[in-house]
Amino acid sequence: MPKTVEIRDLDDDVYVALGRRAAEAGVSVSELLRAELTRLAARPTLEEWLARTARRSSAIDRTEILAALDEQRGAWPGAGGCGSGGLDGTATPRRR
């Protein structure tokens, strides 16, 4: 059986933004919120997602992932080859 939800103390600017989005989508604010809440309820919680992804195994290790990211991003600015220029002024080794 369908349920009713009441949200109190909603800021005016939030309601105006919701009204604008609903109008752009050609639906009422209630329909917009119903769709968004349905989408939110279908998503796993952070704990559920972490539990599900922790079970996955991969043939690629962390080092290979970091190397691929470094290759795509290019050299770290100010790294000076083998790494320097940490935020606290200490040397930071380049990831490999």
PDB file of N, CA and C in Angstrom:
ATOM      1  N   MET A   1       0.844  -1.183   0.000  1.00  0.00           N
ATOM      2  CA  MET A   1       0.000   0.000   0.000  1.00  0.00           C
ATOM      3  C   MET A   1       0.887   1.242   0.000  1.00  0.00           C
ATOM      4  N   PRO A   2       0.605   2.199  -0.841  1.00  0.00           N
ATOM      5  CA  PRO A   2       1.413   3.421  -0.900  1.00  0.00           C
ATOM      6  C   PRO A   2       1.395   4.174   0.434  1.00  0.00           C
ATOM      7  N   LYS A   3       2.525   4.809   0.732  1.00  0.00           N
ATOM      8  CA  LYS A   3       2.678   5.589   1.959  1.00  0.00           C
ATOM      9  C   LYS A   3       2.860   7.054   1.607  1.00  0.00           C
ATOM     10  N   THR A   4       2.571   7.917   2.562  1.00  0.00           N
ATOM     11  CA  THR A   4       2.745   9.351   2.392  1.00  0.00           C
ATOM     12  C   THR A   4       3.891   9.802   3.273  1.00  0.00           C
ATOM     13  N   VAL A   5       4.745  10.663   2.726  1.00  0.00           N
ATOM     14  CA  VAL A   5       5.869  11.215   3.470  1.00  0.00           C
ATOM     15  C   VAL A   5       5.698  12.729   3.504  1.00  0.00           C
ATOM     16  N   GLU A   6       5.885  13.311   4.675  1.00  0.00           N
ATOM     17  CA  GLU A   6       5.816  14.765   4.814  1.00  0.00           C
ATOM     18  C   GLU A   6       7.192  15.262   5.240  1.00  0.00           C
ATOM     19  N   ILE A   7       7.682  16.263   4.549  1.00  0.00           N
ATOM     20  CA  ILE A   7       8.978  16.858   4.882  1.00  0.00           C
ATOM     21  C   ILE A   7       8.717  18.259   5.414  1.00  0.00           C
ATOM     22  N   ARG A   8       9.131  18.493   6.639  1.00  0.00           N
ATOM     23  CA  ARG A   8       8.896  19.797   7.265  1.00  0.00           C
ATOM     24  C   ARG A   8      10.148  20.653   7.191  1.00  0.00           C
ATOM     25  N   ASP A   9       9.943  21.955   7.317  1.00  0.00           N
ATOM     26  CA  ASP A   9      11.028  22.935   7.410  1.00  0.00           C
ATOM     27  C   ASP A   9      11.956  22.909   6.206  1.00  0.00           C
ATOM     28  N   LEU A  10      11.402  22.715   5.040  1.00  0.00           N
ATOM     29  CA  LEU A  10      12.177  22.751   3.808  1.00  0.00           C
ATOM     30  C   LEU A  10      12.402  24.211   3.433  1.00  0.00           C
ATOM     31  N   ASP A  11      13.643  24.579   3.200  1.00  0.00           N
ATOM     32  CA  ASP A  11      13.960  25.953   2.831  1.00  0.00           C
ATOM     33  C   ASP A  11      13.273  26.325   1.521  1.00  0.00           C
ATOM     34  N   ASP A  12      12.863  27.589   1.426  1.00  0.00           N
ATOM     35  CA  ASP A  12      12.176  28.071   0.227  1.00  0.00           C
ATOM     36  C   ASP A  12      13.009  27.876  -1.031  1.00  0.00           C
ATOM     37  N   ASP A  13      14.316  28.175  -0.951  1.00  0.00           N
ATOM     38  CA  ASP A  13      15.160  28.046  -2.139  1.00  0.00           C
ATOM     39  C   ASP A  13      15.275  26.597  -2.596  1.00  0.00           C
ATOM     40  N   VAL A  14      15.210  25.661  -1.661  1.00  0.00           N
ATOM     41  CA  VAL A  14      15.246  24.243  -2.027  1.00  0.00           C
ATOM     42  C   VAL A  14      13.970  23.879  -2.776  1.00  0.00           C
ATOM     43  N   TYR A  15      12.827  24.328  -2.269  1.00  0.00           N
ATOM     44  CA  TYR A  15      11.566  24.019  -2.935  1.00  0.00           C
ATOM     45  C   TYR A  15      11.494  24.659  -4.318  1.00  0.00           C
ATOM     46  N   VAL A  16      11.998  25.876  -4.433  1.00  0.00           N
ATOM     47  CA  VAL A  16      12.020  26.549  -5.741  1.00  0.00           C
ATOM     48  C   VAL A  16      12.871  25.746  -6.726  1.00  0.00           C
ATOM     49  N   ALA A  17      14.032  25.272  -6.271  1.00  0.00           N
ATOM     50  CA  ALA A  17      14.908  24.478  -7.141  1.00  0.00           C
ATOM     51  C   ALA A  17      14.224  23.175  -7.544  1.00  0.00           C
ATOM     52  N   LEU A  18      13.535  22.538  -6.610  1.00  0.00           N
ATOM     53  CA  LEU A  18      12.812  21.301  -6.935  1.00  0.00           C
ATOM     54  C   LEU A  18      11.690  21.580  -7.932  1.00  0.00           C
ATOM     55  N   GLY A  19      10.993  22.694  -7.740  1.00  0.00           N
ATOM     56  CA  GLY A  19       9.931  23.068  -8.670  1.00  0.00           C
ATOM     57  C   GLY A  19      10.473  23.310 -10.069  1.00  0.00           C
ATOM     58  N   ARG A  20      11.636  23.961 -10.147  1.00  0.00           N
ATOM     59  CA  ARG A  20      12.265  24.215 -11.441  1.00  0.00           C
ATOM     60  C   ARG A  20      12.638  22.892 -12.112  1.00  0.00           C
ATOM     61  N   ARG A  21      13.258  22.005 -11.353  1.00  0.00           N
ATOM     62  CA  ARG A  21      13.636  20.702 -11.938  1.00  0.00           C
ATOM     63  C   ARG A  21      12.419  19.909 -12.388  1.00  0.00           C
ATOM     64  N   ALA A  22      11.385  19.938 -11.577  1.00  0.00           N
ATOM     65  CA  ALA A  22      10.166  19.214 -11.937  1.00  0.00           C
ATOM     66  C   ALA A  22       9.568  19.784 -13.218  1.00  0.00           C
ATOM     67  N   ALA A  23       9.527  21.114 -13.321  1.00  0.00           N
ATOM     68  CA  ALA A  23       8.977  21.749 -14.523  1.00  0.00           C
ATOM     69  C   ALA A  23       9.798  21.388 -15.754  1.00  0.00           C
ATOM     70  N   GLU A  24      11.116  21.390 -15.607  1.00  0.00           N
ATOM     71  CA  GLU A  24      11.983  21.021 -16.735  1.00  0.00           C
ATOM     72  C   GLU A  24      11.735  19.588 -17.183  1.00  0.00           C
ATOM     73  N   ALA A  25      11.401  18.725 -16.217  1.00  0.00           N
ATOM     74  CA  ALA A  25      11.138  17.318 -16.534  1.00  0.00           C
ATOM     75  C   ALA A  25       9.680  17.091 -16.946  1.00  0.00           C
ATOM     76  N   GLY A  26       8.842  18.127 -16.802  1.00  0.00           N
ATOM     77  CA  GLY A  26       7.437  17.994 -17.179  1.00  0.00           C
ATOM     78  C   GLY A  26       6.622  17.171 -16.194  1.00  0.00           C
ATOM     79  N   VAL A  27       7.026  17.189 -14.926  1.00  0.00           N
ATOM     80  CA  VAL A  27       6.320  16.432 -13.891  1.00  0.00           C
ATOM     81  C   VAL A  27       6.062  17.354 -12.706  1.00  0.00           C
ATOM     82  N   SER A  28       5.264  16.877 -11.766  1.00  0.00           N
ATOM     83  CA  SER A  28       5.025  17.637 -10.547  1.00  0.00           C
ATOM     84  C   SER A  28       6.190  17.424  -9.581  1.00  0.00           C
ATOM     85  N   VAL A  29       6.259  18.274  -8.563  1.00  0.00           N
ATOM     86  CA  VAL A  29       7.296  18.109  -7.540  1.00  0.00           C
ATOM     87  C   VAL A  29       7.129  16.756  -6.867  1.00  0.00           C
ATOM     88  N   SER A  30       5.894  16.363  -6.590  1.00  0.00           N
ATOM     89  CA  SER A  30       5.647  15.055  -5.962  1.00  0.00           C
ATOM     90  C   SER A  30       6.162  13.912  -6.831  1.00  0.00           C
ATOM     91  N   GLU A  31       5.902  13.996  -8.133  1.00  0.00           N
ATOM     92  CA  GLU A  31       6.379  12.947  -9.041  1.00  0.00           C
ATOM     93  C   GLU A  31       7.903  12.917  -9.100  1.00  0.00           C
ATOM     94  N   LEU A  32       8.518  14.101  -9.131  1.00  0.00           N
ATOM     95  CA  LEU A  32       9.978  14.180  -9.137  1.00  0.00           C
ATOM     96  C   LEU A  32      10.556  13.533  -7.881  1.00  0.00           C
ATOM     97  N   LEU A  33      10.007  13.912  -6.727  1.00  0.00           N
ATOM     98  CA  LEU A  33      10.513  13.362  -5.465  1.00  0.00           C
ATOM     99  C   LEU A  33      10.244  11.861  -5.354  1.00  0.00           C
ATOM    100  N   ARG A  34       9.097  11.409  -5.853  1.00  0.00           N
ATOM    101  CA  ARG A  34       8.801   9.967  -5.833  1.00  0.00           C
ATOM    102  C   ARG A  34       9.849   9.201  -6.639  1.00  0.00           C
ATOM    103  N   ALA A  35      10.189   9.709  -7.813  1.00  0.00           N
ATOM    104  CA  ALA A  35      11.191   9.055  -8.654  1.00  0.00           C
ATOM    105  C   ALA A  35      12.566   9.074  -7.987  1.00  0.00           C
ATOM    106  N   GLU A  36      12.932  10.217  -7.398  1.00  0.00           N
ATOM    107  CA  GLU A  36      14.246  10.317  -6.732  1.00  0.00           C
ATOM    108  C   GLU A  36      14.320   9.420  -5.512  1.00  0.00           C
ATOM    109  N   LEU A  37      13.253   9.355  -4.726  1.00  0.00           N
ATOM    110  CA  LEU A  37      13.256   8.487  -3.549  1.00  0.00           C
ATOM    111  C   LEU A  37      13.274   7.010  -3.935  1.00  0.00           C
ATOM    112  N   THR A  38      12.587   6.668  -5.020  1.00  0.00           N
ATOM    113  CA  THR A  38      12.616   5.286  -5.513  1.00  0.00           C
ATOM    114  C   THR A  38      14.030   4.914  -5.939  1.00  0.00           C
ATOM    115  N   ARG A  39      14.693   5.838  -6.637  1.00  0.00           N
ATOM    116  CA  ARG A  39      16.076   5.607  -7.066  1.00  0.00           C
ATOM    117  C   ARG A  39      16.992   5.470  -5.857  1.00  0.00           C
ATOM    118  N   LEU A  40      16.833   6.344  -4.867  1.00  0.00           N
ATOM    119  CA  LEU A  40      17.648   6.302  -3.658  1.00  0.00           C
ATOM    120  C   LEU A  40      17.447   4.992  -2.901  1.00  0.00           C
ATOM    121  N   ALA A  41      16.205   4.548  -2.778  1.00  0.00           N
ATOM    122  CA  ALA A  41      15.909   3.314  -2.049  1.00  0.00           C
ATOM    123  C   ALA A  41      16.486   2.084  -2.751  1.00  0.00           C
ATOM    124  N   ALA A  42      16.627   2.146  -4.073  1.00  0.00           N
ATOM    125  CA  ALA A  42      17.153   1.014  -4.830  1.00  0.00           C
ATOM    126  C   ALA A  42      18.669   0.883  -4.722  1.00  0.00           C
ATOM    127  N   ARG A  43      19.335   1.986  -4.349  1.00  0.00           N
ATOM    128  CA  ARG A  43      20.803   1.960  -4.247  1.00  0.00           C
ATOM    129  C   ARG A  43      21.228   1.229  -2.986  1.00  0.00           C
ATOM    130  N   PRO A  44      22.329   0.485  -3.053  1.00  0.00           N
ATOM    131  CA  PRO A  44      22.822  -0.154  -1.828  1.00  0.00           C
ATOM    132  C   PRO A  44      23.402   0.885  -0.875  1.00  0.00           C
ATOM    133  N   THR A  45      23.384   0.576   0.413  1.00  0.00           N
ATOM    134  CA  THR A  45      24.047   1.452   1.378  1.00  0.00           C
ATOM    135  C   THR A  45      25.552   1.330   1.162  1.00  0.00           C
ATOM    136  N   LEU A  46      26.307   2.230   1.749  1.00  0.00           N
ATOM    137  CA  LEU A  46      27.763   2.163   1.638  1.00  0.00           C
ATOM    138  C   LEU A  46      28.277   0.834   2.183  1.00  0.00           C
ATOM    139  N   GLU A  47      27.734   0.400   3.313  1.00  0.00           N
ATOM    140  CA  GLU A  47      28.165  -0.866   3.914  1.00  0.00           C
ATOM    141  C   GLU A  47      27.861  -2.052   2.991  1.00  0.00           C
ATOM    142  N   GLU A  48      26.683  -2.045   2.369  1.00  0.00           N
ATOM    143  CA  GLU A  48      26.327  -3.123   1.440  1.00  0.00           C
ATOM    144  C   GLU A  48      27.255  -3.118   0.231  1.00  0.00           C
ATOM    145  N   TRP A  49      27.544  -1.930  -0.307  1.00  0.00           N
ATOM    146  CA  TRP A  49      28.412  -1.837  -1.472  1.00  0.00           C
ATOM    147  C   TRP A  49      29.823  -2.309  -1.138  1.00  0.00           C
ATOM    148  N   LEU A  50      30.350  -1.894   0.012  1.00  0.00           N
ATOM    149  CA  LEU A  50      31.689  -2.325   0.411  1.00  0.00           C
ATOM    150  C   LEU A  50      31.749  -3.829   0.613  1.00  0.00           C
ATOM    151  N   ALA A  51      30.728  -4.405   1.227  1.00  0.00           N
ATOM    152  CA  ALA A  51      30.705  -5.851   1.434  1.00  0.00           C
ATOM    153  C   ALA A  51      30.668  -6.590   0.101  1.00  0.00           C
ATOM    154  N   ARG A  52      29.898  -6.076  -0.837  1.00  0.00           N
ATOM    155  CA  ARG A  52      29.786  -6.724  -2.149  1.00  0.00           C
ATOM    156  C   ARG A  52      31.082  -6.604  -2.942  1.00  0.00           C
ATOM    157  N   THR A  53      31.708  -5.428  -2.926  1.00  0.00           N
ATOM    158  CA  THR A  53      32.926  -5.246  -3.712  1.00  0.00           C
ATOM    159  C   THR A  53      34.133  -5.892  -3.058  1.00  0.00           C
ATOM    160  N   ALA A  54      34.111  -6.088  -1.759  1.00  0.00           N
ATOM    161  CA  ALA A  54      35.238  -6.735  -1.074  1.00  0.00           C
ATOM    162  C   ALA A  54      35.390  -8.184  -1.507  1.00  0.00           C
ATOM    163  N   ARG A  55      34.321  -8.799  -1.956  1.00  0.00           N
ATOM    164  CA  ARG A  55      34.365 -10.205  -2.378  1.00  0.00           C
ATOM    165  C   ARG A  55      34.963 -10.383  -3.760  1.00  0.00           C
ATOM    166  N   ARG A  56      35.075  -9.299  -4.505  1.00  0.00           N
ATOM    167  CA  ARG A  56      35.594  -9.409  -5.863  1.00  0.00           C
ATOM    168  C   ARG A  56      37.103  -9.579  -5.843  1.00  0.00           C
ATOM    169  N   SER A  57      37.572 -10.446  -6.683  1.00  0.00           N
ATOM    170  CA  SER A  57      39.018 -10.598  -6.822  1.00  0.00           C
ATOM    171  C   SER A  57      39.437  -9.996  -8.161  1.00  0.00           C
ATOM    172  N   SER A  58      40.713  -9.654  -8.261  1.00  0.00           N
ATOM    173  CA  SER A  58      41.210  -9.052  -9.488  1.00  0.00           C
ATOM    174  C   SER A  58      42.587  -9.602  -9.797  1.00  0.00           C
ATOM    175  N   ALA A  59      42.852  -9.762 -11.082  1.00  0.00           N
ATOM    176  CA  ALA A  59      44.168 -10.218 -11.509  1.00  0.00           C
ATOM    177  C   ALA A  59      45.153  -9.052 -11.555  1.00  0.00           C
ATOM    178  N   ILE A  60      44.653  -7.834 -11.388  1.00  0.00           N
ATOM    179  CA  ILE A  60      45.503  -6.644 -11.427  1.00  0.00           C
ATOM    180  C   ILE A  60      45.777  -6.195 -10.000  1.00  0.00           C
ATOM    181  N   ASP A  61      47.055  -5.948  -9.696  1.00  0.00           N
ATOM    182  CA  ASP A  61      47.371  -5.503  -8.340  1.00  0.00           C
ATOM    183  C   ASP A  61      47.462  -3.975  -8.280  1.00  0.00           C
ATOM    184  N   ARG A  62      47.578  -3.458  -7.088  1.00  0.00           N
ATOM    185  CA  ARG A  62      47.593  -2.019  -6.831  1.00  0.00           C
ATOM    186  C   ARG A  62      48.713  -1.316  -7.596  1.00  0.00           C
ATOM    187  N   THR A  63      49.870  -1.932  -7.657  1.00  0.00           N
ATOM    188  CA  THR A  63      51.018  -1.330  -8.342  1.00  0.00           C
ATOM    189  C   THR A  63      50.716  -1.103  -9.819  1.00  0.00           C
ATOM    190  N   GLU A  64      50.092  -2.078 -10.453  1.00  0.00           N
ATOM    191  CA  GLU A  64      49.749  -1.945 -11.874  1.00  0.00           C
ATOM    192  C   GLU A  64      48.713  -0.837 -12.099  1.00  0.00           C
ATOM    193  N   ILE A  65      47.764  -0.727 -11.188  1.00  0.00           N
ATOM    194  CA  ILE A  65      46.744   0.318 -11.294  1.00  0.00           C
ATOM    195  C   ILE A  65      47.384   1.692 -11.172  1.00  0.00           C
ATOM    196  N   LEU A  66      48.252   1.869 -10.173  1.00  0.00           N
ATOM    197  CA  LEU A  66      48.916   3.154  -9.977  1.00  0.00           C
ATOM    198  C   LEU A  66      49.816   3.502 -11.156  1.00  0.00           C
ATOM    199  N   ALA A  67      50.498   2.508 -11.716  1.00  0.00           N
ATOM    200  CA  ALA A  67      51.357   2.756 -12.873  1.00  0.00           C
ATOM    201  C   ALA A  67      50.528   3.204 -14.076  1.00  0.00           C
ATOM    202  N   ALA A  68      49.376   2.581 -14.281  1.00  0.00           N
ATOM    203  CA  ALA A  68      48.505   2.960 -15.390  1.00  0.00           C
ATOM    204  C   ALA A  68      47.966   4.379 -15.188  1.00  0.00           C
ATOM    205  N   LEU A  69      47.604   4.723 -13.949  1.00  0.00           N
ATOM    206  CA  LEU A  69      47.138   6.078 -13.670  1.00  0.00           C
ATOM    207  C   LEU A  69      48.249   7.097 -13.910  1.00  0.00           C
ATOM    208  N   ASP A  70      49.452   6.786 -13.446  1.00  0.00           N
ATOM    209  CA  ASP A  70      50.588   7.687 -13.671  1.00  0.00           C
ATOM    210  C   ASP A  70      50.849   7.881 -15.164  1.00  0.00           C
ATOM    211  N   GLU A  71      50.736   6.805 -15.925  1.00  0.00           N
ATOM    212  CA  GLU A  71      50.962   6.887 -17.367  1.00  0.00           C
ATOM    213  C   GLU A  71      49.925   7.790 -18.029  1.00  0.00           C
ATOM    214  N   GLN A  72      48.674   7.682 -17.624  1.00  0.00           N
ATOM    215  CA  GLN A  72      47.604   8.505 -18.183  1.00  0.00           C
ATOM    216  C   GLN A  72      47.716   9.963 -17.758  1.00  0.00           C
ATOM    217  N   ARG A  73      48.072  10.193 -16.502  1.00  0.00           N
ATOM    218  CA  ARG A  73      48.114  11.548 -15.958  1.00  0.00           C
ATOM    219  C   ARG A  73      49.391  12.297 -16.305  1.00  0.00           C
ATOM    220  N   GLY A  74      50.455  11.574 -16.556  1.00  0.00           N
ATOM    221  CA  GLY A  74      51.735  12.210 -16.811  1.00  0.00           C
ATOM    222  C   GLY A  74      52.497  12.435 -15.512  1.00  0.00           C
ATOM    223  N   ALA A  75      53.641  13.108 -15.624  1.00  0.00           N
ATOM    224  CA  ALA A  75      54.499  13.330 -14.463  1.00  0.00           C
ATOM    225  C   ALA A  75      53.813  14.234 -13.451  1.00  0.00           C
ATOM    226  N   TRP A  76      54.082  13.996 -12.178  1.00  0.00           N
ATOM    227  CA  TRP A  76      53.551  14.832 -11.113  1.00  0.00           C
ATOM    228  C   TRP A  76      54.231  16.188 -11.172  1.00  0.00           C
ATOM    229  N   PRO A  77      53.479  17.272 -11.109  1.00  0.00           N
ATOM    230  CA  PRO A  77      54.097  18.597 -11.138  1.00  0.00           C
ATOM    231  C   PRO A  77      55.073  18.769  -9.976  1.00  0.00           C
ATOM    232  N   GLY A  78      56.271  19.230 -10.259  1.00  0.00           N
ATOM    233  CA  GLY A  78      57.268  19.455  -9.219  1.00  0.00           C
ATOM    234  C   GLY A  78      57.883  18.188  -8.674  1.00  0.00           C
ATOM    235  N   ALA A  79      57.633  17.059  -9.330  1.00  0.00           N
ATOM    236  CA  ALA A  79      58.155  15.797  -8.812  1.00  0.00           C
ATOM    237  C   ALA A  79      59.657  15.678  -9.044  1.00  0.00           C
ATOM    238  N   GLY A  80      60.183  16.363 -10.016  1.00  0.00           N
ATOM    239  CA  GLY A  80      61.619  16.346 -10.258  1.00  0.00           C
ATOM    240  C   GLY A  80      62.186  14.968 -10.518  1.00  0.00           C
ATOM    241  N   GLY A  81      61.486  14.160 -11.222  1.00  0.00           N
ATOM    242  CA  GLY A  81      62.013  12.843 -11.579  1.00  0.00           C
ATOM    243  C   GLY A  81      61.592  11.773 -10.607  1.00  0.00           C
ATOM    244  N   CYS A  82      62.315  11.629  -9.481  1.00  0.00           N
ATOM    245  CA  CYS A  82      62.013  10.521  -8.583  1.00  0.00           C
ATOM    246  C   CYS A  82      61.222  10.982  -7.367  1.00  0.00           C
ATOM    247  N   GLY A  83      60.701  12.185  -7.387  1.00  0.00           N
ATOM    248  CA  GLY A  83      59.759  12.596  -6.351  1.00  0.00           C
ATOM    249  C   GLY A  83      60.325  13.576  -5.370  1.00  0.00           C
ATOM    250  N   SER A  84      59.691  14.695  -5.233  1.00  0.00           N
ATOM    251  CA  SER A  84      59.995  15.679  -4.213  1.00  0.00           C
ATOM    252  C   SER A  84      58.823  16.630  -4.137  1.00  0.00           C
ATOM    253  N   GLY A  85      58.806  17.463  -3.131  1.00  0.00           N
ATOM    254  CA  GLY A  85      57.778  18.481  -3.066  1.00  0.00           C
ATOM    255  C   GLY A  85      56.487  18.049  -2.445  1.00  0.00           C
ATOM    256  N   GLY A  86      56.560  17.333  -1.325  1.00  0.00           N
ATOM    257  CA  GLY A  86      55.347  16.983  -0.605  1.00  0.00           C
ATOM    258  C   GLY A  86      54.701  18.227  -0.038  1.00  0.00           C
ATOM    259  N   LEU A  87      53.446  18.132   0.331  1.00  0.00           N
ATOM    260  CA  LEU A  87      52.712  19.285   0.836  1.00  0.00           C
ATOM    261  C   LEU A  87      53.318  19.828   2.121  1.00  0.00           C
ATOM    262  N   ASP A  88      53.973  18.974   2.901  1.00  0.00           N
ATOM    263  CA  ASP A  88      54.573  19.436   4.155  1.00  0.00           C
ATOM    264  C   ASP A  88      56.042  19.795   3.989  1.00  0.00           C
ATOM    265  N   GLY A  89      56.535  19.857   2.747  1.00  0.00           N
ATOM    266  CA  GLY A  89      57.913  20.232   2.482  1.00  0.00           C
ATOM    267  C   GLY A  89      58.872  19.055   2.481  1.00  0.00           C
ATOM    268  N   THR A  90      58.388  17.865   2.806  1.00  0.00           N
ATOM    269  CA  THR A  90      59.245  16.683   2.795  1.00  0.00           C
ATOM    270  C   THR A  90      59.188  16.032   1.428  1.00  0.00           C
ATOM    271  N   ALA A  91      60.155  15.204   1.149  1.00  0.00           N
ATOM    272  CA  ALA A  91      60.184  14.500  -0.129  1.00  0.00           C
ATOM    273  C   ALA A  91      59.082  13.455  -0.164  1.00  0.00           C
ATOM    274  N   THR A  92      58.429  13.323  -1.319  1.00  0.00           N
ATOM    275  CA  THR A  92      57.426  12.289  -1.509  1.00  0.00           C
ATOM    276  C   THR A  92      57.880  11.400  -2.647  1.00  0.00           C
ATOM    277  N   PRO A  93      58.052  10.112  -2.376  1.00  0.00           N
ATOM    278  CA  PRO A  93      58.516   9.203  -3.434  1.00  0.00           C
ATOM    279  C   PRO A  93      57.478   9.051  -4.537  1.00  0.00           C
ATOM    280  N   ARG A  94      57.953   8.949  -5.752  1.00  0.00           N
ATOM    281  CA  ARG A  94      57.057   8.750  -6.883  1.00  0.00           C
ATOM    282  C   ARG A  94      56.511   7.330  -6.807  1.00  0.00           C
ATOM    283  N   ARG A  95      55.216   7.219  -7.058  1.00  0.00           N
ATOM    284  CA  ARG A  95      54.580   5.898  -7.049  1.00  0.00           C
ATOM    285  C   ARG A  95      55.040   5.098  -8.248  1.00  0.00           C
ATOM    286  N   ARG A  96      55.219   3.841  -8.050  1.00  0.00           N
ATOM    287  CA  ARG A  96      55.594   2.925  -9.137  1.00  0.00           C
ATOM    288  C   ARG A  96      54.661   1.744  -9.150  1.00  0.00           C
TER     289      ARG A  96
END
